[in-house]
Amino acid sequence: MSTEIWRIITRANKWWLDPRKIMDDKHIEKFEASTIRWTPSIFSLDDIVDGAYTLRGSLQVGKKQPHLSC
């Protein structure tokens, strides 16, 4: 990946450089402050095998990247 592309991506996704920055997102702040939360369990990390995965859906519906150690 080129340096310019990486700069553009990380400017829009600051948590790629510092995972704590995700807490600065207004939607995350609202979720953390809510009294009712729902976190769906779509699959277990134990189910993941080598391959390419995509997670698709509408904007701002709670898609998130699981934290995997490689």
N, C-alpha and C. Protein backbone atom coordinates (compact mmCIF):
# COMPACT_ATOMS: atom_id res chain seq x y z
N MET A 1 0.85 -1.17 0.00
CA MET A 1 0.00 0.00 0.00
C MET A 1 0.90 1.23 0.00
N SER A 2 0.53 2.17 -0.84
CA SER A 2 1.37 3.36 -0.93
C SER A 2 1.22 4.22 0.32
N THR A 3 2.23 5.03 0.57
CA THR A 3 2.23 5.92 1.72
C THR A 3 1.07 6.91 1.64
N GLU A 4 0.78 7.41 0.45
CA GLU A 4 -0.32 8.38 0.28
C GLU A 4 -1.67 7.74 0.60
N ILE A 5 -1.90 6.54 0.12
CA ILE A 5 -3.16 5.84 0.40
C ILE A 5 -3.27 5.58 1.90
N TRP A 6 -2.19 5.12 2.52
CA TRP A 6 -2.20 4.86 3.96
C TRP A 6 -2.50 6.14 4.75
N ARG A 7 -1.95 7.25 4.32
CA ARG A 7 -2.20 8.54 4.99
C ARG A 7 -3.67 8.91 4.90
N ILE A 8 -4.28 8.73 3.75
CA ILE A 8 -5.70 9.06 3.56
C ILE A 8 -6.58 8.15 4.40
N ILE A 9 -6.28 6.85 4.39
CA ILE A 9 -7.09 5.90 5.16
C ILE A 9 -6.99 6.17 6.65
N THR A 10 -5.79 6.40 7.14
CA THR A 10 -5.63 6.61 8.58
C THR A 10 -6.16 7.97 9.03
N ARG A 11 -6.24 8.92 8.12
CA ARG A 11 -6.85 10.21 8.48
C ARG A 11 -8.35 10.02 8.72
N ALA A 12 -8.97 9.14 7.94
CA ALA A 12 -10.40 8.87 8.10
C ALA A 12 -10.68 7.85 9.20
N ASN A 13 -9.70 7.02 9.51
CA ASN A 13 -9.86 5.94 10.49
C ASN A 13 -8.73 6.02 11.51
N LYS A 14 -8.79 7.02 12.36
CA LYS A 14 -7.69 7.30 13.29
C LYS A 14 -7.37 6.13 14.21
N TRP A 15 -8.36 5.27 14.48
CA TRP A 15 -8.13 4.14 15.37
C TRP A 15 -7.24 3.08 14.75
N TRP A 16 -6.93 3.16 13.45
CA TRP A 16 -5.98 2.22 12.84
C TRP A 16 -4.58 2.48 13.38
N LEU A 17 -4.29 3.72 13.72
CA LEU A 17 -2.99 4.07 14.29
C LEU A 17 -3.00 3.96 15.81
N ASP A 18 -4.13 4.30 16.41
CA ASP A 18 -4.26 4.26 17.87
C ASP A 18 -5.65 3.72 18.21
N PRO A 19 -5.76 2.42 18.58
CA PRO A 19 -7.06 1.81 18.84
C PRO A 19 -7.91 2.57 19.86
N ARG A 20 -7.30 3.33 20.74
CA ARG A 20 -8.07 4.10 21.73
C ARG A 20 -8.88 5.22 21.09
N LYS A 21 -8.50 5.65 19.90
CA LYS A 21 -9.18 6.75 19.20
C LYS A 21 -10.62 6.39 18.83
N ILE A 22 -10.97 5.10 18.79
CA ILE A 22 -12.34 4.71 18.46
C ILE A 22 -13.32 5.28 19.48
N MET A 23 -12.83 5.49 20.70
CA MET A 23 -13.69 6.03 21.76
C MET A 23 -14.05 7.50 21.51
N ASP A 24 -13.38 8.17 20.57
CA ASP A 24 -13.69 9.56 20.22
C ASP A 24 -14.85 9.67 19.24
N ASP A 25 -15.29 8.53 18.68
CA ASP A 25 -16.40 8.53 17.72
C ASP A 25 -17.71 8.84 18.45
N LYS A 26 -18.51 9.75 17.88
CA LYS A 26 -19.75 10.17 18.55
C LYS A 26 -20.73 9.01 18.71
N HIS A 27 -20.72 8.06 17.80
CA HIS A 27 -21.63 6.91 17.90
C HIS A 27 -21.19 5.94 18.99
N ILE A 28 -19.88 5.77 19.13
CA ILE A 28 -19.35 4.92 20.20
C ILE A 28 -19.65 5.56 21.55
N GLU A 29 -19.47 6.87 21.65
CA GLU A 29 -19.77 7.58 22.90
C GLU A 29 -21.24 7.40 23.27
N LYS A 30 -22.12 7.52 22.29
CA LYS A 30 -23.56 7.37 22.54
C LYS A 30 -23.87 5.93 22.99
N PHE A 31 -23.26 4.95 22.34
CA PHE A 31 -23.48 3.55 22.70
C PHE A 31 -22.99 3.29 24.13
N GLU A 32 -21.80 3.76 24.45
CA GLU A 32 -21.23 3.54 25.78
C GLU A 32 -22.09 4.20 26.87
N ALA A 33 -22.75 5.31 26.53
CA ALA A 33 -23.57 6.01 27.52
C ALA A 33 -24.98 5.43 27.64
N SER A 34 -25.37 4.58 26.69
CA SER A 34 -26.73 4.05 26.72
C SER A 34 -26.90 3.00 27.83
N THR A 35 -28.12 2.89 28.31
CA THR A 35 -28.40 1.91 29.37
C THR A 35 -28.77 0.55 28.80
N ILE A 36 -29.23 0.54 27.56
CA ILE A 36 -29.58 -0.73 26.89
C ILE A 36 -28.60 -0.95 25.75
N ARG A 37 -27.96 -2.10 25.76
CA ARG A 37 -26.99 -2.43 24.71
C ARG A 37 -27.28 -3.81 24.16
N TRP A 38 -27.04 -3.98 22.89
CA TRP A 38 -27.17 -5.28 22.26
C TRP A 38 -25.94 -5.53 21.40
N THR A 39 -25.22 -6.55 21.71
CA THR A 39 -24.05 -6.94 20.93
C THR A 39 -24.29 -8.33 20.38
N PRO A 40 -24.62 -8.44 19.10
CA PRO A 40 -24.93 -9.76 18.53
C PRO A 40 -23.69 -10.64 18.44
N SER A 41 -23.89 -11.92 18.61
CA SER A 41 -22.81 -12.88 18.45
C SER A 41 -23.06 -13.64 17.14
N ILE A 42 -22.46 -13.17 16.08
CA ILE A 42 -22.69 -13.75 14.76
C ILE A 42 -21.92 -15.05 14.61
N PHE A 43 -20.69 -15.04 15.04
CA PHE A 43 -19.88 -16.25 14.98
C PHE A 43 -18.83 -16.18 16.07
N SER A 44 -18.28 -17.32 16.36
CA SER A 44 -17.23 -17.40 17.37
C SER A 44 -15.88 -17.27 16.69
N LEU A 45 -14.92 -16.68 17.36
CA LEU A 45 -13.58 -16.59 16.79
C LEU A 45 -12.98 -17.97 16.57
N ASP A 46 -13.49 -18.97 17.30
CA ASP A 46 -13.02 -20.35 17.09
C ASP A 46 -13.46 -20.90 15.74
N ASP A 47 -14.48 -20.29 15.13
CA ASP A 47 -15.00 -20.75 13.84
C ASP A 47 -14.17 -20.23 12.67
N ILE A 48 -13.31 -19.27 12.90
CA ILE A 48 -12.56 -18.64 11.82
C ILE A 48 -11.40 -19.53 11.39
N VAL A 49 -11.32 -19.76 10.09
CA VAL A 49 -10.21 -20.50 9.51
C VAL A 49 -9.54 -19.58 8.50
N ASP A 50 -8.38 -19.99 7.99
CA ASP A 50 -7.68 -19.18 7.00
C ASP A 50 -8.60 -18.90 5.81
N GLY A 51 -8.59 -17.68 5.36
CA GLY A 51 -9.40 -17.31 4.21
C GLY A 51 -9.65 -15.82 4.19
N ALA A 52 -10.43 -15.39 3.23
CA ALA A 52 -10.80 -13.98 3.11
C ALA A 52 -12.25 -13.83 3.54
N TYR A 53 -12.50 -12.89 4.42
CA TYR A 53 -13.84 -12.67 4.93
C TYR A 53 -14.27 -11.24 4.64
N THR A 54 -15.55 -11.05 4.39
CA THR A 54 -16.12 -9.72 4.25
C THR A 54 -17.33 -9.62 5.16
N LEU A 55 -17.55 -8.45 5.67
CA LEU A 55 -18.71 -8.17 6.50
C LEU A 55 -19.43 -7.01 5.85
N ARG A 56 -20.63 -7.28 5.34
CA ARG A 56 -21.36 -6.26 4.60
C ARG A 56 -22.62 -5.86 5.35
N GLY A 57 -23.08 -4.67 5.08
CA GLY A 57 -24.32 -4.22 5.68
C GLY A 57 -24.46 -2.71 5.56
N SER A 58 -25.57 -2.23 6.02
CA SER A 58 -25.85 -0.80 5.98
C SER A 58 -24.85 -0.02 6.81
N LEU A 59 -24.75 1.26 6.54
CA LEU A 59 -23.86 2.12 7.31
C LEU A 59 -24.32 2.24 8.75
N GLN A 60 -23.38 2.26 9.66
CA GLN A 60 -23.59 2.56 11.08
C GLN A 60 -24.62 1.65 11.75
N VAL A 61 -24.53 0.35 11.44
CA VAL A 61 -25.43 -0.61 12.09
C VAL A 61 -24.70 -1.50 13.08
N GLY A 62 -23.42 -1.26 13.30
CA GLY A 62 -22.70 -2.02 14.31
C GLY A 62 -21.74 -3.05 13.79
N LYS A 63 -21.37 -2.98 12.54
CA LYS A 63 -20.35 -3.88 12.03
C LYS A 63 -19.04 -3.50 12.71
N LYS A 64 -18.32 -4.46 13.17
CA LYS A 64 -17.02 -4.14 13.75
C LYS A 64 -16.05 -5.27 13.48
N GLN A 65 -14.80 -4.94 13.49
CA GLN A 65 -13.74 -5.90 13.23
C GLN A 65 -13.39 -6.61 14.53
N PRO A 66 -13.42 -7.96 14.54
CA PRO A 66 -12.97 -8.65 15.75
C PRO A 66 -11.47 -8.49 15.89
N HIS A 67 -11.01 -8.45 17.09
CA HIS A 67 -9.57 -8.31 17.34
C HIS A 67 -8.94 -9.70 17.30
N LEU A 68 -8.13 -9.92 16.28
CA LEU A 68 -7.48 -11.21 16.10
C LEU A 68 -5.99 -11.06 16.28
N SER A 69 -5.36 -12.02 16.85
CA SER A 69 -3.90 -11.99 16.93
C SER A 69 -3.38 -12.92 15.86
N CYS A 70 -2.47 -12.42 15.05
CA CYS A 70 -1.92 -13.22 13.95
C CYS A 70 -0.57 -13.76 14.29
